[in-house]
Protein backbone atom coordinates (compact mmCIF):
# COMPACT_ATOMS: atom_id res chain seq x y z
CA MET A 1 -11.62 -45.27 7.91
CA SER A 2 -13.59 -41.23 8.37
CA ILE A 3 -11.60 -38.54 10.25
CA LYS A 4 -13.72 -35.83 11.61
CA VAL A 5 -12.51 -32.62 10.76
CA LYS A 6 -13.61 -29.71 13.61
CA VAL A 7 -13.07 -26.14 14.05
CA PRO A 8 -9.60 -25.28 15.91
CA ASP A 9 -8.99 -23.58 18.87
CA LEU A 10 -10.40 -20.35 18.02
CA PRO A 11 -7.79 -17.29 18.84
CA GLU A 12 -7.81 -15.52 23.04
CA SER A 13 -10.89 -12.98 22.60
CA VAL A 14 -12.68 -14.43 19.73
CA SER A 15 -15.93 -16.82 20.84
CA ASP A 16 -17.00 -17.97 17.38
CA ALA A 17 -16.40 -17.81 13.36
CA THR A 18 -18.77 -17.87 10.17
CA ILE A 19 -17.90 -20.20 7.55
CA VAL A 20 -17.04 -17.55 4.54
CA SER A 21 -16.34 -20.33 2.16
CA TRP A 22 -15.81 -24.03 1.45
CA ARG A 23 -12.65 -24.62 -0.91
CA LYS A 24 -13.40 -28.43 -1.15
CA GLN A 25 -17.06 -30.00 -1.82
CA PRO A 26 -18.51 -33.38 -0.96
CA GLY A 27 -16.48 -36.34 -3.60
CA ASP A 28 -13.48 -34.35 -3.75
CA ALA A 29 -9.99 -35.82 -3.89
CA VAL A 30 -7.76 -33.44 -1.25
CA LYS A 31 -4.10 -34.09 0.42
CA ARG A 32 -2.55 -33.80 3.70
CA ASP A 33 -2.65 -29.88 4.47
CA GLU A 34 -4.63 -28.73 1.67
CA SER A 35 -7.26 -25.75 2.17
CA LEU A 36 -10.74 -27.21 3.36
CA VAL A 37 -12.81 -24.09 4.46
CA ASP A 38 -12.19 -20.29 5.39
CA LEU A 39 -13.46 -19.24 8.63
CA GLU A 40 -13.93 -15.80 9.44
CA THR A 41 -13.46 -14.07 12.54
CA ASP A 42 -14.05 -10.30 13.80
CA LYS A 43 -10.28 -10.07 12.67
CA VAL A 44 -8.89 -12.85 10.39
CA VAL A 45 -9.62 -15.16 8.02
CA LEU A 46 -8.59 -18.77 9.39
CA GLU A 47 -7.68 -21.51 7.12
CA VAL A 48 -8.26 -25.33 7.96
CA PRO A 49 -5.94 -27.63 6.61
CA ALA A 50 -6.76 -31.53 5.61
CA PRO A 51 -5.29 -33.71 8.14
CA ALA A 52 -4.73 -36.28 5.78
CA ASP A 53 -5.37 -37.80 2.51
CA GLY A 54 -8.41 -38.79 1.25
CA VAL A 55 -12.06 -38.02 -0.54
CA ILE A 56 -14.40 -35.72 0.87
CA GLY A 57 -17.20 -37.39 2.94
CA GLU A 58 -20.31 -35.51 5.07
CA VAL A 59 -20.47 -31.73 5.15
CA HIS A 60 -22.05 -30.67 8.16
CA GLN A 61 -21.79 -27.17 8.01
CA LYS A 62 -22.86 -24.45 5.29
CA GLU A 63 -21.41 -21.17 4.64
CA GLY A 64 -22.93 -18.54 6.77
CA ASP A 65 -23.04 -20.47 9.35
CA VAL A 66 -21.69 -20.02 12.86
CA VAL A 67 -19.52 -22.01 14.22
CA THR A 68 -17.44 -22.44 17.37
CA ALA A 69 -14.14 -24.68 18.48
CA GLY A 70 -14.53 -28.17 18.40
CA GLN A 71 -18.05 -28.20 16.13
CA LEU A 72 -18.21 -31.01 13.58
CA LEU A 73 -17.73 -29.82 9.99
CA LEU A 74 -16.96 -32.78 7.84
CA THR A 75 -15.46 -36.09 7.05
CA ILE A 76 -12.92 -37.37 5.12
CA ASP A 77 -12.70 -40.97 3.93
CA GLU A 78 -8.95 -42.06 4.24
CA GLN A 79 -9.75 -45.33 2.71
CA ASP A 80 -10.21 -44.14 -1.09
CA SER A 81 -8.19 -41.69 -1.08
CA ASP A 82 -7.75 -42.35 -5.07
CA ARG A 83 -11.54 -42.46 -6.03
CA LYS A 84 -12.52 -39.46 -8.89
CA ILE A 85 -15.59 -37.30 -8.62
CA GLU A 86 -17.86 -39.28 -11.57
CA VAL A 87 -19.89 -37.42 -14.07
CA GLU A 88 -23.67 -37.87 -14.00
CA LYS A 89 -25.14 -39.25 -16.81
CA THR A 90 -28.31 -38.56 -15.63
CA ASN A 91 -30.07 -35.15 -15.10
CA ASP A 92 -29.16 -35.16 -11.62
CA VAL A 93 -27.54 -31.58 -10.62
CA ILE A 94 -24.98 -31.76 -8.06
CA ILE A 95 -25.40 -28.74 -5.97
CA THR A 96 -22.93 -27.00 -3.47
CA PRO A 97 -24.71 -26.21 0.21
CA SER A 98 -24.60 -22.70 -0.24
CA ALA A 99 -26.28 -23.03 -3.84
CA GLU A 100 -28.93 -25.24 -2.55
CA LYS A 101 -29.29 -23.00 0.75
CA MET A 102 -30.65 -19.98 -2.04
CA ILE A 103 -32.82 -22.45 -4.18
CA ALA A 104 -34.69 -23.42 -1.76
CA GLU A 105 -35.00 -19.68 -0.18
CA ASN A 106 -36.30 -18.40 -3.43
CA LYS A 107 -38.77 -21.82 -4.59
CA LEU A 108 -36.17 -21.86 -7.65
CA ASP A 109 -36.06 -25.42 -9.75
CA ALA A 110 -32.74 -26.43 -9.90
CA ASP A 111 -32.65 -28.28 -13.01
CA GLU A 112 -32.90 -24.45 -14.65
CA ILE A 113 -29.81 -23.22 -13.57
CA ILE A 114 -26.87 -23.32 -15.34
CA GLY A 115 -23.58 -25.33 -12.88
CA SER A 116 -20.16 -23.63 -13.71
CA GLY A 117 -18.49 -25.89 -10.97
CA LYS A 118 -16.16 -28.97 -11.44
CA ALA A 119 -18.89 -31.76 -13.10
CA GLY A 120 -21.16 -29.46 -14.02
CA ARG A 121 -21.92 -29.22 -10.28
CA VAL A 122 -23.96 -25.43 -9.53
CA LEU A 123 -22.40 -22.70 -7.60
CA LYS A 124 -23.93 -20.06 -5.47
CA GLU A 125 -22.57 -17.78 -8.33
CA ASP A 126 -24.90 -19.72 -10.60
CA VAL A 127 -27.92 -19.27 -8.18
CA LEU A 128 -27.19 -15.25 -8.29
CA ALA A 129 -26.15 -15.28 -11.65
CA TYR A 130 -29.87 -16.77 -12.34
CA LEU A 131 -31.73 -14.41 -9.76
CA GLN A 132 -30.32 -11.96 -11.69
CA LYS A 133 -30.79 -12.92 -15.20
CA PRO A 134 -33.41 -15.69 -15.00
CA GLU A 135 -33.26 -15.59 -19.04
CA LEU A 136 -30.46 -17.99 -18.65
CA LYS A 137 -31.78 -21.10 -18.59
CA LYS A 138 -30.90 -25.06 -19.55
CA THR A 139 -33.47 -25.47 -21.73
CA GLU A 140 -33.85 -26.32 -25.46
CA GLU A 141 -35.53 -22.64 -26.44
CA LYS A 142 -31.76 -21.22 -25.99
CA THR A 143 -30.52 -23.54 -29.14
CA GLU A 144 -33.34 -22.75 -31.04
CA VAL A 145 -32.69 -20.44 -34.31
CA GLU A 146 -34.91 -17.24 -33.86
CA THR A 147 -37.67 -17.09 -36.31
CA PRO A 148 -38.33 -13.73 -38.23
CA GLN A 149 -41.68 -13.06 -35.57
CA LYS A 150 -38.63 -13.26 -32.95
CA LEU A 151 -36.65 -10.65 -34.17
CA GLU A 152 -39.10 -8.16 -34.96
CA ALA A 153 -40.32 -8.44 -31.32
CA SER A 154 -36.38 -8.36 -30.50
CA GLU A 155 -36.28 -5.07 -32.93
CA GLU A 156 -39.19 -3.44 -30.87
CA VAL A 157 -37.72 -3.85 -27.50
CA SER A 158 -34.61 -2.74 -28.35
CA GLN A 159 -36.19 0.19 -30.25
CA ASN A 160 -37.91 1.01 -26.87
CA THR A 161 -35.25 0.98 -24.95
CA GLY A 162 -35.82 4.15 -22.15
CA LEU A 163 -38.14 2.45 -19.83
CA GLN A 164 -38.26 -1.36 -20.50
CA ASN A 165 -34.59 -1.79 -20.40
CA ASN A 166 -34.09 1.04 -17.46
CA GLN A 167 -36.72 -1.55 -15.57
CA GLN A 168 -35.01 -4.75 -16.55
CA ASP A 169 -31.60 -3.75 -14.76
CA ARG A 170 -32.62 -1.84 -11.88
CA ILE A 171 -31.25 -5.14 -10.50
CA GLU A 172 -30.80 -5.26 -6.26
CA LYS A 173 -27.97 -7.82 -4.72
CA ARG A 174 -28.49 -8.07 -0.83
CA VAL A 175 -25.58 -9.92 0.98
CA PRO A 176 -24.98 -10.30 4.57
CA MET A 177 -22.13 -7.81 5.98
CA THR A 178 -18.74 -9.77 6.71
CA ARG A 179 -17.89 -10.56 10.05
CA LEU A 180 -14.71 -8.12 9.43
CA ARG A 181 -16.89 -5.53 7.86
CA SER A 182 -19.44 -5.31 10.87
CA ARG A 183 -16.46 -5.51 13.14
CA ILE A 184 -14.65 -2.26 11.33
CA ALA A 185 -18.28 -0.65 11.60
CA GLU A 186 -18.00 -1.21 15.17
CA ARG A 187 -14.70 0.24 15.69
CA LEU A 188 -15.34 3.41 13.68
CA LEU A 189 -18.44 3.97 15.95
CA GLU A 190 -16.63 2.95 18.96
CA ALA A 191 -13.65 5.94 17.93
CA GLN A 192 -16.07 8.44 16.98
CA HIS A 193 -18.54 7.70 20.12
CA ASN A 194 -15.56 7.13 23.05
CA SER A 195 -12.81 9.95 21.67
CA ALA A 196 -12.88 13.22 21.12
CA ILE A 197 -12.12 13.50 17.72
CA LEU A 198 -10.53 16.57 16.05
CA THR A 199 -8.04 16.76 12.74
CA THR A 200 -5.54 18.87 12.31
CA PHE A 201 -3.80 19.92 8.62
CA ASN A 202 -0.10 20.58 7.09
CA GLU A 203 1.27 20.32 3.69
CA VAL A 204 4.48 18.89 2.95
CA ASN A 205 6.92 19.48 -0.30
CA MET A 206 7.83 16.10 -1.02
CA GLN A 207 10.44 17.44 -3.38
CA PRO A 208 13.60 16.85 -1.69
CA VAL A 209 12.21 12.91 -0.38
CA MET A 210 11.36 12.45 -4.61
CA ASP A 211 14.71 13.45 -5.27
CA LEU A 212 16.31 11.31 -2.57
CA ARG A 213 14.32 8.17 -4.04
CA ASN A 214 15.21 8.55 -7.77
CA LYS A 215 19.12 8.88 -6.65
CA TYR A 216 19.04 5.73 -5.06
CA LYS A 217 16.09 3.37 -5.42
CA ASP A 218 17.82 1.73 -8.10
CA LEU A 219 20.74 0.79 -5.76
CA PHE A 220 18.21 0.29 -3.09
CA ALA A 221 16.25 -2.24 -4.92
CA LYS A 222 19.38 -3.96 -5.94
CA LYS A 223 20.78 -4.34 -2.67
CA TYR A 224 17.96 -4.90 -0.62
CA ASP A 225 15.52 -6.76 -3.04
CA VAL A 226 12.45 -4.91 -2.62
CA LYS A 227 11.51 -1.41 -3.99
CA LEU A 228 12.26 2.15 -1.78
CA GLY A 229 9.00 3.76 -1.58
CA PHE A 230 7.29 6.18 0.26
CA MET A 231 5.93 4.67 3.17
CA SER A 232 9.09 4.04 4.89
CA PHE A 233 9.99 7.43 5.57
CA PHE A 234 6.49 8.59 6.39
CA VAL A 235 6.94 5.39 9.27
CA LYS A 236 10.32 7.24 10.08
CA ALA A 237 8.73 10.45 9.91
CA SER A 238 6.55 9.71 12.72
CA VAL A 239 8.54 7.64 14.94
CA GLU A 240 10.53 10.71 15.85
CA ALA A 241 7.66 12.53 16.19
CA LEU A 242 5.95 10.29 18.84
CA LYS A 243 9.77 10.45 20.65
CA ARG A 244 9.32 14.10 20.58
CA PHE A 245 5.42 14.07 21.65
CA PRO A 246 4.67 10.81 23.31
CA ALA A 247 1.16 11.69 24.48
CA VAL A 248 0.42 10.85 20.42
CA ASN A 249 1.56 7.59 21.23
CA ALA A 250 -0.45 7.26 24.70
CA SER A 251 -3.44 5.46 24.90
CA ILE A 252 -6.68 5.95 28.00
CA ASP A 253 -7.25 2.85 29.88
CA GLY A 254 -10.21 3.31 32.30
CA ALA A 255 -9.06 6.72 34.23
CA ASP A 256 -5.11 6.28 33.23
CA ILE A 257 -3.03 7.13 30.44
CA VAL A 258 -0.74 4.37 29.47
CA TYR A 259 2.54 5.52 27.61
CA HIS A 260 3.97 3.45 25.53
CA GLY A 261 8.14 3.15 25.73
CA TYR A 262 7.77 1.40 21.96
CA PHE A 263 6.79 2.07 18.69
CA ASP A 264 4.77 -0.40 16.86
CA ILE A 265 2.87 1.48 13.97
CA GLY A 266 -0.22 0.81 11.80
CA VAL A 267 -0.48 0.18 8.28
CA ALA A 268 -3.82 0.81 6.91
CA ILE A 269 -4.26 -1.81 3.91
CA ALA A 270 -7.25 -2.17 1.83
CA SER A 271 -7.49 -5.89 1.34
CA PRO A 272 -10.38 -7.58 -0.46
CA ARG A 273 -12.29 -8.27 2.86
CA GLY A 274 -12.16 -4.83 3.59
CA LEU A 275 -9.63 -2.83 5.86
CA VAL A 276 -6.87 -3.83 7.80
CA VAL A 277 -4.57 -2.46 9.83
CA PRO A 278 -1.42 -4.95 10.53
CA VAL A 279 1.22 -3.79 12.85
CA LEU A 280 4.74 -2.95 12.04
CA ARG A 281 6.44 -4.04 15.29
CA ASN A 282 9.33 -1.84 16.84
CA ALA A 283 9.49 0.08 14.28
CA ASP A 284 12.37 2.80 15.47
CA GLN A 285 14.84 -0.30 15.64
CA MET A 286 13.82 -1.02 11.54
CA SER A 287 15.98 0.53 8.55
CA LEU A 288 13.63 2.33 5.48
CA ALA A 289 15.00 -1.41 3.73
CA GLU A 290 13.41 -3.19 6.83
CA ILE A 291 10.19 -1.46 7.28
CA GLU A 292 9.36 -1.85 2.98
CA LYS A 293 10.09 -5.69 3.65
CA GLY A 294 8.02 -5.61 6.54
CA ILE A 295 5.35 -3.74 5.05
CA ALA A 296 5.46 -5.86 1.45
CA VAL A 297 4.89 -8.91 3.88
CA LEU A 298 1.62 -7.90 5.83
CA VAL A 299 0.10 -6.65 1.97
CA ASP A 300 1.04 -9.97 0.63
CA LYS A 301 -0.72 -11.45 3.69
CA ALA A 302 -3.81 -9.11 3.74
CA LYS A 303 -4.47 -9.32 -0.06
CA ASN A 304 -4.12 -13.87 0.61
CA ASN A 305 -5.80 -13.77 3.81
CA LYS A 306 -3.19 -14.74 5.65
CA LEU A 307 -3.15 -12.10 8.24
CA SER A 308 -2.79 -13.47 12.15
CA ILE A 309 -4.39 -12.27 15.00
CA ASP A 310 -0.64 -11.40 16.23
CA ASP A 311 -0.47 -9.23 12.96
CA MET A 312 -3.41 -7.24 13.66
CA THR A 313 -3.51 -6.60 17.76
CA GLY A 314 -1.40 -4.46 18.96
CA GLY A 315 -0.40 -0.68 17.68
CA THR A 316 0.42 2.50 19.20
CA PHE A 317 0.26 5.13 16.22
CA SER A 318 -1.36 4.24 12.31
CA LEU A 319 -0.73 5.34 9.17
CA THR A 320 -3.51 5.37 6.44
CA ASN A 321 -2.48 6.50 2.35
CA GLY A 322 -5.66 7.62 0.93
CA GLY A 323 -3.45 9.12 -1.76
CA VAL A 324 -2.91 5.32 -3.76
CA PHE A 325 -6.58 5.91 -4.74
CA GLY A 326 -6.29 9.56 -5.57
CA SER A 327 -7.67 11.35 -2.53
CA MET A 328 -6.54 14.69 -1.97
CA LEU A 329 -7.90 15.42 1.22
CA SER A 330 -9.35 13.28 4.31
CA THR A 331 -9.90 13.20 8.58
CA PRO A 332 -8.89 9.89 8.33
CA ILE A 333 -11.05 8.16 12.02
CA ILE A 334 -8.17 6.95 14.70
CA ASN A 335 -8.11 2.85 15.50
CA PRO A 336 -8.52 2.58 19.16
CA PRO A 337 -7.43 2.46 21.23
CA GLN A 338 -4.55 4.11 19.96
CA SER A 339 -5.06 8.32 19.81
CA GLY A 340 -3.54 8.86 16.60
CA ILE A 341 -3.37 8.67 12.93
CA LEU A 342 -1.53 10.22 10.09
CA GLY A 343 -3.39 10.15 6.76
CA MET A 344 -1.23 10.93 3.46
CA HIS A 345 -2.89 11.88 0.31
CA LYS A 346 -2.25 12.35 -3.40
CA ILE A 347 0.74 13.75 -4.70
CA GLN A 348 -0.03 17.26 -6.47
CA GLN A 349 1.96 19.97 -8.29
CA ARG A 350 1.04 23.14 -7.06
CA ALA A 351 2.11 26.79 -7.16
CA MET A 352 4.15 27.91 -3.94
CA VAL A 353 6.05 31.02 -3.58
CA ASP A 354 10.13 30.21 -3.32
CA ASN A 355 12.48 32.69 -2.27
CA GLY A 356 9.95 35.26 -3.59
CA GLU A 357 9.38 33.47 -6.61
CA ILE A 358 6.17 31.05 -7.56
CA VAL A 359 7.32 27.86 -8.48
CA ALA A 360 5.51 24.31 -9.20
CA GLN A 361 6.11 21.84 -6.31
CA PRO A 362 5.06 17.99 -5.35
CA ILE A 363 2.96 18.94 -2.50
CA MET A 364 1.24 16.50 -0.58
CA TYR A 365 -1.23 17.66 2.12
CA LEU A 366 -1.44 15.39 5.69
CA ALA A 367 -3.75 15.04 8.33
CA LEU A 368 -3.54 13.83 11.92
CA SER A 369 -6.71 13.09 13.56
CA TYR A 370 -6.15 12.82 17.23
CA ASP A 371 -7.69 12.04 20.68
CA HIS A 372 -8.55 15.36 22.08
CA ARG A 373 -8.47 14.03 25.46
CA ILE A 374 -5.04 13.66 26.21
CA ILE A 375 -3.47 15.44 23.14
CA ASP A 376 -3.62 18.80 23.16
CA GLY A 377 -4.01 21.41 20.07
CA ALA A 378 -0.60 22.69 20.34
CA GLU A 379 0.70 19.12 20.54
CA ALA A 380 -1.15 17.62 17.53
CA VAL A 381 0.31 21.13 15.38
CA GLN A 382 3.87 20.53 16.36
CA PHE A 383 3.56 16.84 15.66
CA LEU A 384 2.46 17.35 12.48
CA VAL A 385 4.92 19.95 11.76
CA THR A 386 7.62 17.93 12.88
CA ILE A 387 7.03 15.31 10.29
CA LYS A 388 6.99 17.90 7.64
CA ASP A 389 10.42 19.43 9.12
CA VAL A 390 11.77 15.67 8.61
CA LEU A 391 10.40 14.97 5.56
CA GLU A 392 11.28 18.47 3.59
CA ASP A 393 15.22 17.94 4.81
CA PRO A 394 14.96 14.03 4.80
CA ALA A 395 18.85 13.66 5.70
CA ARG A 396 17.29 14.07 9.54
CA ILE A 397 16.29 10.33 9.51
CA LEU A 398 19.86 9.73 8.84
CA VAL A 399 21.63 11.87 12.03
CA GLY A 400 18.58 11.66 14.29
CA VAL A 401 17.82 15.26 14.00
């Protein structure tokens, strides 16, 4: 008996999805709930699980194909679940659909491509490697012992390294833009075209936060089973500033300004698929430990492509930390329809004047990008000063002043 596996119902407002990668190929044995294929939408990657134990039958779609809800993906042979993949005894090549497509497009000989997949299966990566270095062929010449004439020729090439080697190394690789990357590009352009973005800067002395963190980080980790990082302090400081300046927590809807009475903070995360901004709901009601745990969960989901539509939607204000990559200063772009985003940067020891003396202090530059259509410059500056004040006296977080 064959079971038809179809594209599941897609999230609201998502009309189609792109097949990113097949986790299973025809002939592979699968177990119930094992992931079969990854479908990428504009926002998240959806995994399609196996509905039953069995063996993969016919695959009806290829990687890169655009599919809609209810469309047939593959069939599973439920009757022969113990079948094993037989290794071909002939020179026939087992090729994945994506690799087969690339071979046809580039008019290649499949017999010359070394397969690195299961049972010698040729994968898309094998075809890419062959295209970049076509000398990697499955020929008997590869095992021959080099003769003196061949060695002399190799030495001549190595001696003339300049032009010849450079020409061989000038490789280009063209790949289609992922759905997420396309959506990121659209949203960034949308923000630039539809918002009056302005950025204001300030600096904060991180010594008080660092002292507090160093004093309690071991007890914190032992009690809550999570590390005490800097991000929770910035989330708390941002919430306090948003309470004082509600316009920064607002958004524009047509001709209306929508003031949000809640604080859903987006946290920018660099995932393998690109930048994502999942949301911490009701951050004003969360403790430092709950914030750290919440961020850890979102980071883990982002790294493993487990973020859901609910994780990604909403958000009234965002934070992005370029400092983890070494950024000293930047002008972050707001995440529509939000009206503000806080940019954090690398902490550097800098010469500062303290009580008339020059001392080295750990300083971070902060950047607030905001929509000038609803946020005045004075509000933006005071908002950033509030964050600075809270961080330089973190006891304010506990007493709410």
